[in-house]
């Protein structure tokens, strides 16, 4: 137990990569993910929640693209693997749970993530004219759906809408305009104006779920959607993103019991239960939102929080790091590894990383190290106690001997 604690402390104290850098284990983690996907991890994830298949493949492809932007030597492999992932998104299995009758086809969730991945691939390699054509056509379809809607938050499923899904789709339009010339700026600006008018009044942030009819709030801000929103919002409007991220940090960043940093599922002052997206809540903390928040911190220039969350992941994520692969939680939940890989390699594609300064408790590591120390010493408690008692008895005998001699 002591040896495990020493190893854990060592991993916890290792410097973590900042924005623009990627972990040295990224390729090994992606190798594990590819093997898991080949074994059907995406199909298994689909049984757990409706977006399991899409997220498993989309995040795998995007992690490769982000890694290649940081390490150009990975470019050819990244293009190959991300195109493979895109094909899985567009397969019959990848579209099975989404309705082709929605506008855009298959709903804004599927359309937005698929379009973002396609554009991200083209940001690495724009030599495929067929993919450029499809990107332009799909971007136009998305833009037309927003232009024809009275609400900025389109349906992901029939009668259901989440602002986070539309945020991803609008980011894909901004990416299209960066790569191939401004074409959708009017739609994007209209969306921003409409989104600003529909913020959660209690937090000033985008809501979690809204009415599919008029975009009015159904559920207030929650971290599982906020963490993803703040990964994409800087790509759309850096100034709006900066203000929104500051609010998110103030309302959701937490240090329960002195430990942390971590991300609450509900804002401070609000309690609620977990669900399939947030996972079980521990002292109000969502582990899934905390993982995704690492990527949000990276693209928002919050280097201190990004490094801290990465270090905690190495401490609490039970990583198994082998010469050819790396996995977390013993590799039992590959979709969790996909979120980790996507978050730990996150970087802006449309914009430049912002220069920002955010505060973090300088002593945040101390509670974790104190806990590790207690656990490390626990197996030795009986021996330490025995030695102490022996020392007391020896002192007592020495005292009696001295008294007798006197």
Protein backbone atom coordinates (compact mmCIF):
# COMPACT_ATOMS: atom_id res chain seq x y z
CA UNK A 1 0.00 0.00 0.00
CA UNK A 2 2.87 2.33 0.82
CA UNK A 3 4.49 1.64 -2.54
CA UNK A 4 1.21 2.34 -4.36
CA UNK A 5 0.84 5.64 -2.52
CA UNK A 6 4.40 6.66 -3.41
CA UNK A 7 3.79 5.84 -7.08
CA UNK A 8 0.48 7.74 -7.02
CA UNK A 9 2.14 10.76 -5.41
CA UNK A 10 4.86 10.69 -8.05
CA UNK A 11 2.32 10.65 -10.89
CA UNK A 12 0.31 13.38 -9.17
CA UNK A 13 3.35 15.66 -8.87
CA UNK A 14 4.61 15.18 -12.43
CA UNK A 15 4.30 18.38 -14.53
CA UNK A 16 1.28 18.29 -16.84
CA UNK A 17 1.24 19.67 -20.40
CA UNK A 18 -0.08 23.17 -20.91
CA UNK A 19 -2.24 24.53 -23.70
CA UNK A 20 -0.71 23.76 -27.09
CA UNK A 21 1.03 20.64 -25.74
CA UNK A 22 -0.23 17.08 -25.48
CA UNK A 23 0.57 14.35 -22.95
CA UNK A 24 3.42 12.07 -23.90
CA UNK A 25 1.08 9.10 -23.54
CA UNK A 26 -1.45 10.34 -26.13
CA UNK A 27 -0.49 7.88 -28.85
CA UNK A 28 -0.63 4.95 -26.42
CA UNK A 29 -4.05 6.03 -25.19
CA UNK A 30 -5.35 6.35 -28.74
CA UNK A 31 -3.92 2.91 -29.50
CA UNK A 32 -6.00 1.48 -26.65
CA UNK A 33 -9.09 3.31 -27.90
CA UNK A 34 -8.70 2.02 -31.45
CA UNK A 35 -8.42 -1.55 -30.19
CA UNK A 36 -11.49 -1.03 -27.99
CA UNK A 37 -13.50 0.37 -30.91
CA UNK A 38 -12.47 -2.56 -33.09
CA UNK A 39 -13.83 -4.81 -30.33
CA UNK A 40 -17.20 -3.03 -30.34
CA UNK A 41 -16.76 -0.50 -27.50
CA UNK A 42 -18.92 2.02 -29.38
CA UNK A 43 -21.79 -0.45 -29.70
CA UNK A 44 -21.49 -1.29 -26.02
CA UNK A 45 -21.51 2.41 -25.09
CA UNK A 46 -24.69 2.85 -27.13
CA UNK A 47 -26.42 0.48 -24.73
CA UNK A 48 -25.54 2.79 -21.85
CA UNK A 49 -26.84 6.06 -23.31
CA UNK A 50 -28.22 7.23 -26.68
CA UNK A 51 -25.09 9.06 -27.85
CA UNK A 52 -22.57 6.39 -26.85
CA UNK A 53 -21.72 5.30 -30.38
CA UNK A 54 -21.32 8.83 -31.73
CA UNK A 55 -19.20 10.11 -28.84
CA UNK A 56 -16.93 7.06 -28.84
CA UNK A 57 -16.00 7.60 -32.49
CA UNK A 58 -16.20 11.40 -32.73
CA UNK A 59 -13.96 11.99 -29.72
CA UNK A 60 -11.46 9.40 -30.95
CA UNK A 61 -11.20 11.15 -34.33
CA UNK A 62 -11.04 14.63 -32.81
CA UNK A 63 -8.34 13.62 -30.33
CA UNK A 64 -6.21 12.50 -33.28
CA UNK A 65 -6.76 15.81 -35.09
CA UNK A 66 -5.92 17.86 -32.00
CA UNK A 67 -2.81 15.77 -31.34
CA UNK A 68 -1.61 16.29 -34.92
CA UNK A 69 -2.03 20.06 -34.63
CA UNK A 70 0.36 19.92 -31.67
CA UNK A 71 2.69 17.29 -33.16
CA UNK A 72 2.86 17.62 -36.99
CA UNK A 73 4.63 14.27 -37.22
CA UNK A 74 1.32 12.60 -36.39
CA UNK A 75 -0.52 14.26 -39.28
CA UNK A 76 -0.75 11.37 -41.75
CA UNK A 77 -1.85 8.87 -39.10
CA UNK A 78 -4.29 11.40 -37.65
CA UNK A 79 -5.93 12.00 -41.04
CA UNK A 80 -6.28 8.27 -41.63
CA UNK A 81 -7.71 7.48 -38.19
CA UNK A 82 -10.06 10.48 -38.04
CA UNK A 83 -11.46 9.66 -41.49
CA UNK A 84 -12.09 6.14 -40.26
CA UNK A 85 -13.97 7.58 -37.26
CA UNK A 86 -16.00 9.91 -39.49
CA UNK A 87 -17.10 6.99 -41.65
CA UNK A 88 -18.42 5.26 -38.52
CA UNK A 89 -20.42 8.34 -37.57
CA UNK A 90 -22.01 8.37 -41.02
CA UNK A 91 -22.73 4.64 -41.08
CA UNK A 92 -26.22 3.24 -40.61
CA UNK A 93 -25.33 2.27 -37.04
CA UNK A 94 -24.02 5.75 -36.36
CA UNK A 95 -27.28 7.38 -37.50
CA UNK A 96 -29.69 4.73 -36.26
CA UNK A 97 -31.06 6.56 -33.21
CA UNK A 98 -31.48 9.92 -34.97
CA UNK A 99 -34.43 11.01 -37.12
CA UNK A 100 -33.79 11.82 -40.79
CA UNK A 101 -37.01 13.89 -40.72
CA UNK A 102 -35.50 16.62 -38.55
CA UNK A 103 -33.87 19.78 -39.87
CA UNK A 104 -31.00 19.43 -40.38
CA UNK A 105 -31.28 15.73 -41.21
CA UNK A 106 -30.75 13.45 -38.20
CA UNK A 107 -30.99 16.39 -35.81
CA UNK A 108 -28.58 19.07 -34.71
CA UNK A 109 -26.62 16.79 -32.37
CA UNK A 110 -25.60 14.32 -35.07
CA UNK A 111 -25.23 17.04 -37.73
CA UNK A 112 -23.12 19.33 -35.53
CA UNK A 113 -20.62 16.77 -34.28
CA UNK A 114 -20.28 15.15 -37.71
CA UNK A 115 -19.72 18.51 -39.38
CA UNK A 116 -17.21 19.61 -36.75
CA UNK A 117 -15.20 16.40 -37.17
CA UNK A 118 -15.23 16.70 -40.96
CA UNK A 119 -14.04 20.31 -40.76
CA UNK A 120 -11.38 19.41 -38.21
CA UNK A 121 -10.01 16.76 -40.59
CA UNK A 122 -9.94 19.31 -43.41
CA UNK A 123 -7.97 21.66 -41.16
CA UNK A 124 -5.22 19.03 -41.34
CA UNK A 125 -5.63 17.95 -44.96
CA UNK A 126 -7.82 19.78 -47.47
CA UNK A 127 -6.73 17.76 -50.50
CA UNK A 128 -9.94 15.68 -50.71
CA UNK A 129 -12.30 17.67 -52.95
CA UNK A 130 -15.21 15.30 -52.23
CA UNK A 131 -14.92 15.94 -48.49
CA UNK A 132 -14.70 19.69 -49.08
CA UNK A 133 -17.89 19.51 -51.11
CA UNK A 134 -19.67 17.50 -48.41
CA UNK A 135 -18.47 19.90 -45.73
CA UNK A 136 -19.83 22.86 -47.68
CA UNK A 137 -23.16 21.14 -48.35
CA UNK A 138 -23.65 20.02 -44.77
CA UNK A 139 -22.65 23.44 -43.45
CA UNK A 140 -25.20 25.02 -45.76
CA UNK A 141 -27.90 22.63 -44.57
CA UNK A 142 -27.12 23.51 -40.95
CA UNK A 143 -27.09 27.23 -41.70
CA UNK A 144 -30.44 27.04 -43.48
CA UNK A 145 -31.97 25.18 -40.54
CA UNK A 146 -30.86 27.92 -38.14
CA UNK A 147 -32.00 30.67 -40.50
CA UNK A 148 -35.48 29.13 -40.76
CA UNK A 149 -35.89 28.64 -37.01
CA UNK A 150 -37.36 31.08 -34.47
CA UNK A 151 -35.21 29.52 -31.76
CA UNK A 152 -31.39 29.32 -31.75
CA UNK A 153 -31.54 25.85 -30.21
CA UNK A 154 -32.54 23.22 -32.76
CA UNK A 155 -33.87 19.75 -32.02
CA UNK A 156 -31.50 16.86 -31.39
CA UNK A 157 -34.39 14.43 -31.09
CA UNK A 158 -38.00 15.05 -32.01
CA UNK A 159 -39.41 17.57 -29.51
CA UNK A 160 -36.14 17.82 -27.51
CA UNK A 161 -33.45 20.49 -27.66
CA UNK A 162 -30.24 21.23 -25.74
CA UNK A 163 -28.27 24.46 -26.34
CA UNK A 164 -24.94 22.61 -26.18
CA UNK A 165 -25.76 20.72 -29.41
CA UNK A 166 -26.45 23.91 -31.34
CA UNK A 167 -23.23 25.41 -29.96
CA UNK A 168 -21.20 22.60 -31.56
CA UNK A 169 -23.02 23.06 -34.87
CA UNK A 170 -22.46 26.84 -34.93
CA UNK A 171 -18.77 26.25 -34.18
CA UNK A 172 -18.63 24.00 -37.26
CA UNK A 173 -19.98 26.88 -39.37
CA UNK A 174 -17.29 29.18 -38.02
CA UNK A 175 -14.70 26.53 -38.88
CA UNK A 176 -16.09 26.31 -42.41
CA UNK A 177 -15.77 30.07 -42.81
CA UNK A 178 -12.19 30.04 -41.58
CA UNK A 179 -11.14 27.30 -43.98
CA UNK A 180 -13.11 28.29 -47.08
CA UNK A 181 -14.13 31.93 -46.76
CA UNK A 182 -16.86 33.78 -44.86
CA UNK A 183 -20.25 32.46 -45.89
CA UNK A 184 -22.26 31.93 -42.73
CA UNK A 185 -21.34 34.98 -40.64
CA UNK A 186 -24.89 36.39 -40.71
CA UNK A 187 -26.35 33.13 -39.37
CA UNK A 188 -23.67 32.95 -36.69
CA UNK A 189 -24.23 36.55 -35.52
CA UNK A 190 -27.99 36.03 -35.42
CA UNK A 191 -27.47 32.89 -33.35
CA UNK A 192 -25.26 34.77 -30.88
CA UNK A 193 -27.85 37.52 -30.47
CA UNK A 194 -30.62 35.01 -29.91
CA UNK A 195 -28.54 32.92 -27.49
CA UNK A 196 -27.66 35.98 -25.40
CA UNK A 197 -31.37 36.73 -25.01
CA UNK A 198 -32.10 33.23 -23.66
CA UNK A 199 -29.53 32.87 -20.87
CA UNK A 200 -30.38 31.22 -17.56
CA UNK A 201 -31.29 34.25 -15.37
CA UNK A 202 -29.90 32.61 -12.22
CA UNK A 203 -26.41 32.01 -13.62
CA UNK A 204 -26.13 34.19 -16.73
CA UNK A 205 -25.09 31.05 -18.66
CA UNK A 206 -26.73 29.07 -21.43
CA UNK A 207 -29.39 26.71 -20.05
CA UNK A 208 -29.10 22.94 -20.01
CA UNK A 209 -32.35 22.09 -21.82
CA UNK A 210 -34.92 24.28 -23.56
CA UNK A 211 -38.31 24.11 -25.21
CA UNK A 212 -38.00 22.85 -28.77
CA UNK A 213 -40.78 25.27 -29.76
CA UNK A 214 -39.47 28.67 -28.67
CA UNK A 215 -36.11 28.04 -26.96
CA UNK A 216 -37.36 29.05 -23.52
CA UNK A 217 -35.51 27.45 -20.63
CA UNK A 218 -36.70 24.09 -19.32
CA UNK A 219 -33.69 23.23 -17.15
CA UNK A 220 -31.15 25.68 -15.78
CA UNK A 221 -27.41 25.50 -16.36
CA UNK A 222 -25.68 22.21 -15.58
CA UNK A 223 -22.02 21.31 -15.80
CA UNK A 224 -22.33 18.32 -18.14
CA UNK A 225 -23.47 20.64 -20.92
CA UNK A 226 -21.55 23.73 -19.76
CA UNK A 227 -18.19 21.95 -19.95
CA UNK A 228 -18.82 21.07 -23.61
CA UNK A 229 -20.22 24.52 -24.39
CA UNK A 230 -17.04 26.16 -23.11
CA UNK A 231 -14.94 23.86 -25.25
CA UNK A 232 -16.64 25.28 -28.38
CA UNK A 233 -17.73 28.81 -27.50
CA UNK A 234 -14.23 30.34 -27.94
CA UNK A 235 -14.28 29.07 -31.53
CA UNK A 236 -17.46 31.10 -32.18
CA UNK A 237 -16.96 34.38 -30.30
CA UNK A 238 -13.89 34.77 -28.04
CA UNK A 239 -15.25 37.82 -26.21
CA UNK A 240 -18.60 36.21 -25.37
CA UNK A 241 -16.75 33.01 -24.47
CA UNK A 242 -14.45 34.84 -22.04
CA UNK A 243 -17.37 36.32 -20.12
CA UNK A 244 -19.28 33.04 -20.10
CA UNK A 245 -16.28 31.00 -18.97
CA UNK A 246 -15.64 33.33 -16.02
CA UNK A 247 -19.25 32.87 -14.90
CA UNK A 248 -18.98 29.11 -15.31
CA UNK A 249 -15.81 29.01 -13.23
CA UNK A 250 -17.36 31.10 -10.46
CA UNK A 251 -20.58 29.08 -10.28
CA UNK A 252 -19.34 25.52 -10.79
CA UNK A 253 -15.70 25.23 -9.66
CA UNK A 254 -15.55 23.63 -6.23
CA UNK A 255 -13.19 22.27 -3.55
CA UNK A 256 -15.38 19.90 -1.53
CA UNK A 257 -13.92 19.25 1.91
CA UNK A 258 -10.81 21.15 0.87
CA UNK A 259 -10.09 18.67 -1.93
CA UNK A 260 -10.27 19.54 -5.60
CA UNK A 261 -10.46 21.45 -7.83
CA UNK A 262 -13.50 19.73 -9.27
CA UNK A 263 -16.69 20.67 -11.12
CA UNK A 264 -20.13 20.60 -9.53
CA UNK A 265 -22.99 19.32 -11.66
CA UNK A 266 -25.26 22.07 -10.35
CA UNK A 267 -24.22 25.64 -9.55
CA UNK A 268 -23.34 26.62 -6.00
CA UNK A 269 -26.48 26.86 -3.92
CA UNK A 270 -28.40 24.34 -6.04
CA UNK A 271 -28.63 20.63 -5.28
CA UNK A 272 -29.83 17.93 -7.62
CA UNK A 273 -29.43 14.29 -8.53
CA UNK A 274 -27.17 12.72 -11.11
CA UNK A 275 -28.27 11.09 -14.34
CA UNK A 276 -26.82 9.10 -17.23
CA UNK A 277 -24.86 12.12 -18.48
CA UNK A 278 -23.38 13.33 -15.18
CA UNK A 279 -22.92 9.93 -13.59
CA UNK A 280 -23.34 9.52 -9.83
CA UNK A 281 -22.57 12.72 -7.94
CA UNK A 282 -20.01 12.70 -5.13
CA UNK A 283 -20.47 15.69 -2.83
CA UNK A 284 -22.23 17.31 -5.77
CA UNK A 285 -19.25 16.70 -8.09
CA UNK A 286 -19.71 15.26 -11.58
CA UNK A 287 -16.67 13.23 -12.60
CA UNK A 288 -17.64 13.36 -16.27
CA UNK A 289 -18.02 17.16 -16.24
CA UNK A 290 -14.71 17.47 -14.41
CA UNK A 291 -12.95 15.44 -17.13
CA UNK A 292 -14.47 17.52 -19.94
CA UNK A 293 -13.72 20.75 -18.07
CA UNK A 294 -10.02 20.06 -18.55
CA UNK A 295 -10.49 20.61 -22.28
CA UNK A 296 -12.64 23.68 -21.68
CA UNK A 297 -9.92 25.13 -19.46
CA UNK A 298 -7.27 24.47 -22.10
CA UNK A 299 -9.08 26.30 -24.91
CA UNK A 300 -10.02 29.19 -22.61
CA UNK A 301 -6.44 29.84 -21.53
CA UNK A 302 -7.03 28.57 -17.97
CA UNK A 303 -3.72 26.77 -17.79
CA UNK A 304 -3.66 26.40 -14.00
CA UNK A 305 -7.02 24.62 -13.84
CA UNK A 306 -6.23 22.44 -16.88
CA UNK A 307 -2.99 21.23 -15.33
CA UNK A 308 -4.62 20.65 -11.95
CA UNK A 309 -7.46 18.57 -13.42
CA UNK A 310 -4.95 16.57 -15.47
CA UNK A 311 -2.89 15.85 -12.34
CA UNK A 312 -5.98 14.71 -10.45
CA UNK A 313 -6.83 12.43 -13.34
CA UNK A 314 -3.45 10.76 -12.98
CA UNK A 315 -4.08 10.34 -9.26
CA UNK A 316 -7.72 9.23 -9.24
CA UNK A 317 -8.20 7.77 -12.72
CA UNK A 318 -6.42 4.49 -11.91
CA UNK A 319 -4.26 4.69 -15.06
CA UNK A 320 -2.53 1.62 -16.41
CA UNK A 321 0.39 2.82 -18.51
CA UNK A 322 2.02 0.12 -20.63
CA UNK A 323 4.65 0.38 -23.40
CA UNK A 324 1.99 0.11 -26.13
CA UNK A 325 -1.18 1.43 -24.49
CA UNK A 326 -2.61 3.54 -21.70
CA UNK A 327 -6.06 3.27 -20.20
CA UNK A 328 -7.94 4.66 -17.22
CA UNK A 329 -10.22 2.86 -14.75
CA UNK A 330 -8.52 -0.39 -15.80
CA UNK A 331 -9.94 0.12 -19.30
CA UNK A 332 -13.43 -0.91 -18.16
CA UNK A 333 -15.17 2.16 -19.65
CA UNK A 334 -13.52 3.01 -22.99
CA UNK A 335 -15.88 5.93 -23.67
CA UNK A 336 -14.43 7.53 -20.54
CA UNK A 337 -10.97 7.16 -22.08
CA UNK A 338 -12.30 8.85 -25.23
CA UNK A 339 -13.40 11.87 -23.21
CA UNK A 340 -10.02 11.97 -21.45
CA UNK A 341 -8.10 11.82 -24.74
CA UNK A 342 -10.28 14.54 -26.30
CA UNK A 343 -9.96 16.80 -23.25
CA UNK A 344 -6.24 16.31 -22.65
CA UNK A 345 -5.40 17.24 -26.27
CA UNK A 346 -7.96 20.07 -26.59
CA UNK A 347 -6.87 23.17 -28.48
CA UNK A 348 -8.67 25.83 -30.53
CA UNK A 349 -8.89 25.12 -34.25
CA UNK A 350 -10.64 28.28 -35.44
CA UNK A 351 -8.99 30.83 -33.15
CA UNK A 352 -5.72 31.29 -31.31
CA UNK A 353 -5.55 30.27 -27.63
CA UNK A 354 -6.49 33.30 -25.51
CA UNK A 355 -4.07 34.84 -23.05
CA UNK A 356 -5.82 34.86 -19.69
CA UNK A 357 -5.00 34.68 -16.00
CA UNK A 358 -7.19 32.68 -13.64
CA UNK A 359 -6.51 32.09 -9.98
CA UNK A 360 -6.28 28.69 -8.33
CA UNK A 361 -5.53 27.92 -4.69
CA UNK A 362 -1.76 27.54 -4.46
CA UNK A 363 -2.15 24.83 -1.82
CA UNK A 364 -4.67 22.69 -3.71
CA UNK A 365 -2.27 19.72 -3.78
CA UNK A 366 -1.74 19.61 0.00
CA UNK A 367 -4.99 17.84 1.01
CA UNK A 368 -4.38 15.11 -1.58
CA UNK A 369 -0.78 14.63 -0.43
CA UNK A 370 -1.87 14.57 3.23
CA UNK A 371 -4.43 11.87 2.43
CA UNK A 372 -1.84 9.82 0.54
CA UNK A 373 0.53 10.13 3.49
CA UNK A 374 -2.10 8.85 5.93
CA UNK A 375 -2.93 5.90 3.68
CA UNK A 376 0.77 5.14 3.19
CA UNK A 377 1.40 5.14 6.94
CA UNK A 378 -1.71 3.13 7.85
CA UNK A 379 -0.11 -0.34 7.32
CA UNK A 380 2.71 0.70 9.63
CA UNK A 381 0.51 2.01 12.43
CA UNK A 382 0.75 -1.14 14.56
CA UNK A 383 4.53 -1.25 14.20
CA UNK A 384 4.92 2.45 14.97
CA UNK A 385 2.68 1.95 18.00
CA UNK A 386 4.68 -1.09 19.13
CA UNK A 387 7.98 0.78 18.80
CA UNK A 388 6.57 3.72 20.72
CA UNK A 389 5.33 1.47 23.52
CA UNK A 390 8.68 -0.29 23.68
CA UNK A 391 10.41 3.06 23.95
CA UNK A 392 8.06 4.09 26.77
CA UNK A 393 8.69 0.85 28.64
CA UNK A 394 12.44 1.22 28.16
CA UNK A 395 12.32 4.75 29.52
CA UNK A 396 10.26 3.53 32.47
CA UNK A 397 12.74 0.75 33.28
CA UNK A 398 15.63 3.15 32.94
CA UNK A 399 13.87 5.50 35.36
CA UNK A 400 13.31 2.76 37.95
CA UNK A 401 16.92 1.54 37.64
CA UNK A 402 18.18 5.06 38.17
CA UNK A 403 15.96 5.49 41.23
CA UNK A 404 17.17 2.21 42.74
CA UNK A 405 20.80 3.11 42.31
CA UNK A 406 20.21 6.38 44.11
